[in-house]
Amino acid sequence: MLEYTFRIRHKGCWTETVNDTFPNVTATIVYSYRLLGVSITMVEMTNVSEDEIDPLVAWLSDHEVMTDAQLITYDPDKHTALVSLAGDYNTDTEPVLNVLLRNRCFPTVPATVSSGREYWTVLASDHERVTQTHEELERMGSVEVDSLKRPGVDRMLTGLIDIKQAVQDLSPRQREILVRAVEEGYYDSPRSCRLEDLAEDDPANTSTVGEHLRRSEAKILTTVAKQLQETGSSEEGSSRRRRAKS
């Protein structure tokens, strides 16, 4: 199994030129699939000001590969929009996902769109699949390979187990207050509630609720920090090897 990470300037696609008109907008392709010859895509767009949202949706609707674009939701506080796209790609190009799936390359995280490029990370069974995929993608646009490596699946699974164990090690009260803090927006940016708000509906006082939260955060973040350190060490080692080769 190989992890193939690349970026593509997708000629003829909306992703190639959206930042020419809306330079600050970035997008995440939440999902994409084909239905009766039409590609249906849900996109989360960030850094979209209120006066940009209508022109952005209109621009997408008028693009040559699109048949329709509809605004689903818009959060003015976070400047984030969820937009549904429908496209027939009745041009010389097609969705990148089509190329990936027919070559049995499967995305591991949602693709992002920024600075006129699509950024993808996929899993492929072998080098032959990657080579075939890369050749087809090059016919659609300029492709830059960021990495091609064997994924650290064992390390990832170990990290998930450790984090799950850290959550299980929370006391019932710690878990209860932490869940309520997440649900009520204590960790939102900006915060939707304060520590004092969490304590209003709790029999304990504010300092006790805060102590429960701090202990919960410490247990979970200590475990997450270990995973970040291991990932950082691995990436630094790979970077040193690339510099040595060059």
Protein backbone atom coordinates (compact mmCIF):
# COMPACT_ATOMS: atom_id res chain seq x y z
CA MET A 1 0.00 0.00 0.00
CA LEU A 2 1.27 3.46 -0.95
CA GLU A 3 0.24 6.94 0.15
CA TYR A 4 0.35 9.33 -2.82
CA THR A 5 0.11 13.06 -2.07
CA PHE A 6 -0.04 15.51 -4.95
CA ARG A 7 -1.32 18.89 -6.11
CA ILE A 8 -2.82 19.61 -9.52
CA ARG A 9 -3.67 22.77 -11.42
CA HIS A 10 -6.77 21.29 -13.03
CA LYS A 11 -7.13 22.92 -16.45
CA GLY A 12 -10.71 23.85 -17.32
CA CYS A 13 -12.05 23.15 -13.81
CA TRP A 14 -13.50 25.77 -11.47
CA THR A 15 -10.70 24.98 -9.01
CA GLU A 16 -8.11 26.42 -11.42
CA THR A 17 -9.51 29.95 -11.63
CA VAL A 18 -11.68 30.52 -8.55
CA ASN A 19 -8.84 32.35 -6.77
CA ASP A 20 -8.36 34.71 -9.71
CA THR A 21 -11.72 36.27 -8.83
CA PHE A 22 -11.88 35.39 -5.12
CA PRO A 23 -8.21 35.36 -4.02
CA ASN A 24 -8.78 34.70 -0.31
CA VAL A 25 -11.23 31.82 -0.64
CA THR A 26 -10.14 28.27 0.18
CA ALA A 27 -12.32 25.21 -0.26
CA THR A 28 -12.63 21.67 1.03
CA ILE A 29 -14.31 19.05 -1.16
CA VAL A 30 -16.51 17.37 1.45
CA TYR A 31 -17.72 14.68 -0.95
CA SER A 32 -18.16 14.09 -4.67
CA TYR A 33 -19.94 11.42 -6.70
CA ARG A 34 -21.49 10.84 -10.12
CA LEU A 35 -25.23 10.39 -10.60
CA LEU A 36 -26.68 9.71 -14.08
CA GLY A 37 -23.70 11.36 -15.75
CA VAL A 38 -23.75 14.42 -13.48
CA SER A 39 -21.04 15.05 -10.90
CA ILE A 40 -22.48 16.12 -7.53
CA THR A 41 -20.02 17.83 -5.19
CA MET A 42 -20.42 19.38 -1.74
CA VAL A 43 -17.83 22.05 -0.99
CA GLU A 44 -17.07 23.94 2.21
CA MET A 45 -15.67 27.37 1.37
CA THR A 46 -13.87 29.49 3.94
CA ASN A 47 -12.72 33.12 4.08
CA VAL A 48 -15.87 34.16 2.21
CA SER A 49 -17.13 37.59 3.24
CA GLU A 50 -20.87 38.32 3.27
CA ASP A 51 -20.65 40.52 0.19
CA GLU A 52 -18.76 37.80 -1.69
CA ILE A 53 -21.08 34.84 -1.12
CA ASP A 54 -23.73 35.66 -3.75
CA PRO A 55 -21.17 36.59 -6.45
CA LEU A 56 -19.20 33.41 -5.64
CA VAL A 57 -22.24 31.14 -6.06
CA ALA A 58 -23.20 32.97 -9.26
CA TRP A 59 -19.63 32.58 -10.59
CA LEU A 60 -19.72 28.85 -9.91
CA SER A 61 -23.13 28.50 -11.57
CA ASP A 62 -21.83 30.21 -14.72
CA HIS A 63 -18.65 28.14 -14.99
CA GLU A 64 -18.47 26.00 -18.13
CA VAL A 65 -18.19 22.68 -16.26
CA MET A 66 -21.09 23.49 -13.92
CA THR A 67 -24.81 23.06 -14.49
CA ASP A 68 -25.85 24.42 -11.09
CA ALA A 69 -24.50 25.80 -7.81
CA GLN A 70 -26.62 26.34 -4.70
CA LEU A 71 -25.81 27.87 -1.34
CA ILE A 72 -26.76 25.43 1.44
CA THR A 73 -25.67 27.40 4.50
CA TYR A 74 -23.55 30.42 5.33
CA ASP A 75 -22.04 31.26 8.73
CA PRO A 76 -21.32 35.01 8.81
CA ASP A 77 -19.32 34.72 12.05
CA LYS A 78 -16.92 32.14 10.60
CA HIS A 79 -17.16 33.41 6.99
CA THR A 80 -17.81 29.83 5.90
CA ALA A 81 -20.23 28.62 3.23
CA LEU A 82 -21.46 25.15 2.29
CA VAL A 83 -22.16 25.01 -1.45
CA SER A 84 -23.65 22.20 -3.55
CA LEU A 85 -22.29 21.89 -7.10
CA ALA A 86 -23.65 19.94 -10.05
CA GLY A 87 -21.53 19.59 -13.18
CA ASP A 88 -21.64 17.64 -16.42
CA TYR A 89 -17.95 18.33 -17.27
CA ASN A 90 -18.98 18.40 -20.92
CA THR A 91 -15.52 19.69 -21.84
CA ASP A 92 -12.03 18.26 -22.28
CA THR A 93 -11.65 17.63 -18.54
CA GLU A 94 -13.34 15.58 -15.82
CA PRO A 95 -13.36 15.49 -12.00
CA VAL A 96 -10.06 14.37 -10.46
CA LEU A 97 -12.01 11.91 -8.33
CA ASN A 98 -13.10 10.05 -11.47
CA VAL A 99 -9.46 9.41 -12.40
CA LEU A 100 -8.62 8.31 -8.87
CA LEU A 101 -11.49 5.88 -8.45
CA ARG A 102 -11.16 4.16 -11.81
CA ASN A 103 -7.50 3.53 -10.90
CA ARG A 104 -8.54 2.32 -7.44
CA CYS A 105 -6.87 5.18 -5.61
CA PHE A 106 -8.90 6.19 -2.57
CA PRO A 107 -8.72 9.60 -0.83
CA THR A 108 -7.79 9.41 2.86
CA VAL A 109 -8.80 13.01 3.68
CA PRO A 110 -11.06 15.55 1.92
CA ALA A 111 -9.25 17.35 -0.90
CA THR A 112 -8.60 21.06 -0.49
CA VAL A 113 -8.54 23.86 -3.07
CA SER A 114 -6.21 26.84 -2.66
CA SER A 115 -4.16 29.12 -4.94
CA GLY A 116 -5.64 27.53 -8.05
CA ARG A 117 -4.65 23.98 -7.12
CA GLU A 118 -6.36 20.89 -5.77
CA TYR A 119 -4.49 19.06 -3.00
CA TRP A 120 -5.08 15.31 -2.68
CA THR A 121 -3.83 12.46 -0.50
CA VAL A 122 -4.82 8.97 -1.64
CA LEU A 123 -4.00 5.33 -0.99
CA ALA A 124 -2.98 3.09 -3.89
CA SER A 125 -2.20 -0.62 -3.89
CA ASP A 126 1.11 -0.42 -5.78
CA HIS A 127 3.45 1.71 -7.93
CA GLU A 128 1.72 0.62 -11.13
CA ARG A 129 -1.57 2.16 -9.96
CA VAL A 130 0.21 5.37 -8.98
CA THR A 131 2.04 5.60 -12.32
CA GLN A 132 -1.16 5.09 -14.32
CA THR A 133 -3.03 7.64 -12.17
CA HIS A 134 -0.23 10.19 -12.49
CA GLU A 135 -0.10 9.84 -16.28
CA GLU A 136 -3.85 10.39 -16.57
CA LEU A 137 -3.74 13.38 -14.23
CA GLU A 138 -0.94 14.97 -16.28
CA ARG A 139 -3.29 15.00 -19.26
CA MET A 140 -5.65 17.14 -17.17
CA GLY A 141 -3.16 19.67 -15.86
CA SER A 142 0.13 20.38 -14.14
CA VAL A 143 0.81 17.82 -11.38
CA GLU A 144 3.35 18.15 -8.57
CA VAL A 145 4.08 15.18 -6.32
CA ASP A 146 4.50 16.11 -2.66
CA SER A 147 5.20 12.60 -1.37
CA LEU A 148 4.99 8.93 -2.22
CA LYS A 149 5.53 6.64 0.73
CA ARG A 150 4.24 3.69 2.64
CA PRO A 151 1.71 5.00 5.20
CA GLY A 152 2.47 4.49 8.87
CA VAL A 153 -0.71 2.50 9.41
CA ASP A 154 0.59 0.67 12.46
CA ARG A 155 1.66 3.92 14.12
CA MET A 156 -1.67 5.54 13.26
CA LEU A 157 -3.66 2.65 14.72
CA THR A 158 -1.52 2.68 17.86
CA GLY A 159 -2.12 6.41 18.24
CA LEU A 160 -5.89 5.97 17.91
CA ILE A 161 -5.86 3.22 20.53
CA ASP A 162 -3.86 5.44 22.91
CA ILE A 163 -6.28 8.35 22.45
CA LYS A 164 -9.27 6.05 22.97
CA GLN A 165 -7.65 4.78 26.18
CA ALA A 166 -7.07 8.35 27.38
CA VAL A 167 -10.79 9.11 26.87
CA GLN A 168 -11.77 5.93 28.72
CA ASP A 169 -9.49 6.93 31.61
CA LEU A 170 -11.53 10.06 32.24
CA SER A 171 -13.75 9.92 35.28
CA PRO A 172 -17.52 10.00 34.64
CA ARG A 173 -17.65 13.62 35.86
CA GLN A 174 -14.71 14.67 33.70
CA ARG A 175 -16.30 13.05 30.65
CA GLU A 176 -19.70 14.59 31.38
CA ILE A 177 -18.33 18.14 31.69
CA LEU A 178 -16.03 17.77 28.69
CA VAL A 179 -18.89 16.55 26.47
CA ARG A 180 -21.11 19.41 27.63
CA ALA A 181 -18.32 21.93 26.97
CA VAL A 182 -17.98 20.68 23.39
CA GLU A 183 -21.73 20.61 22.78
CA GLU A 184 -22.29 24.14 24.15
CA GLY A 185 -19.45 25.68 22.15
CA TYR A 186 -16.80 26.23 24.84
CA TYR A 187 -14.13 25.23 22.30
CA ASP A 188 -15.59 27.16 19.37
CA SER A 189 -13.68 30.13 17.98
CA PRO A 190 -14.97 32.50 19.15
CA ARG A 191 -16.40 30.68 22.16
CA SER A 192 -20.17 30.29 22.33
CA CYS A 193 -20.11 29.91 26.11
CA ARG A 194 -17.84 30.67 29.04
CA LEU A 195 -16.72 28.54 31.97
CA GLU A 196 -19.23 30.41 34.11
CA ASP A 197 -22.02 29.38 31.71
CA LEU A 198 -21.05 25.71 32.04
CA ALA A 199 -21.10 26.04 35.82
CA GLU A 200 -24.61 27.58 35.87
CA ASP A 201 -26.22 24.22 35.10
CA ASP A 202 -23.87 22.21 37.29
CA PRO A 203 -24.11 21.51 41.03
CA ALA A 204 -20.39 22.22 41.41
CA ASN A 205 -18.92 25.72 41.47
CA THR A 206 -16.99 27.36 38.66
CA SER A 207 -13.54 26.45 39.97
CA THR A 208 -14.50 22.76 40.30
CA VAL A 209 -15.93 22.64 36.76
CA GLY A 210 -12.76 24.32 35.49
CA GLU A 211 -10.58 21.79 37.32
CA HIS A 212 -12.49 18.89 35.76
CA LEU A 213 -11.98 20.42 32.31
CA ARG A 214 -8.26 21.03 32.87
CA ARG A 215 -7.70 17.44 34.03
CA SER A 216 -9.64 16.09 31.04
CA GLU A 217 -7.71 18.27 28.60
CA ALA A 218 -4.38 17.28 30.17
CA LYS A 219 -5.07 13.54 29.82
CA ILE A 220 -6.15 13.76 26.18
CA LEU A 221 -3.70 16.40 24.96
CA THR A 222 -0.72 14.63 26.57
CA THR A 223 -1.55 11.59 24.44
CA VAL A 224 -2.12 13.67 21.30
CA ALA A 225 1.16 15.53 21.86
CA LYS A 226 3.05 12.22 21.72
CA GLN A 227 1.51 11.49 18.32
CA LEU A 228 2.42 14.97 17.06
CA GLN A 229 6.01 14.57 18.23
CA GLU A 230 6.33 11.17 16.52
CA THR A 231 4.84 12.56 13.30
CA GLY A 232 7.12 15.58 13.41
CA SER A 233 10.20 13.42 13.95
CA SER A 234 9.21 11.17 11.05
CA GLU A 235 8.62 14.12 8.68
CA GLU A 236 11.89 15.77 9.72
CA GLY A 237 13.76 12.56 8.98
CA SER A 238 12.14 12.32 5.54
CA SER A 239 13.03 15.94 4.83
CA ARG A 240 16.68 15.33 5.76
CA ARG A 241 16.81 12.32 3.45
CA ARG A 242 15.36 14.34 0.56
CA ARG A 243 17.93 17.12 1.10
CA ALA A 244 20.74 14.58 1.23
CA LYS A 245 19.65 13.08 -2.11
CA SER A 246 19.53 16.49 -3.76
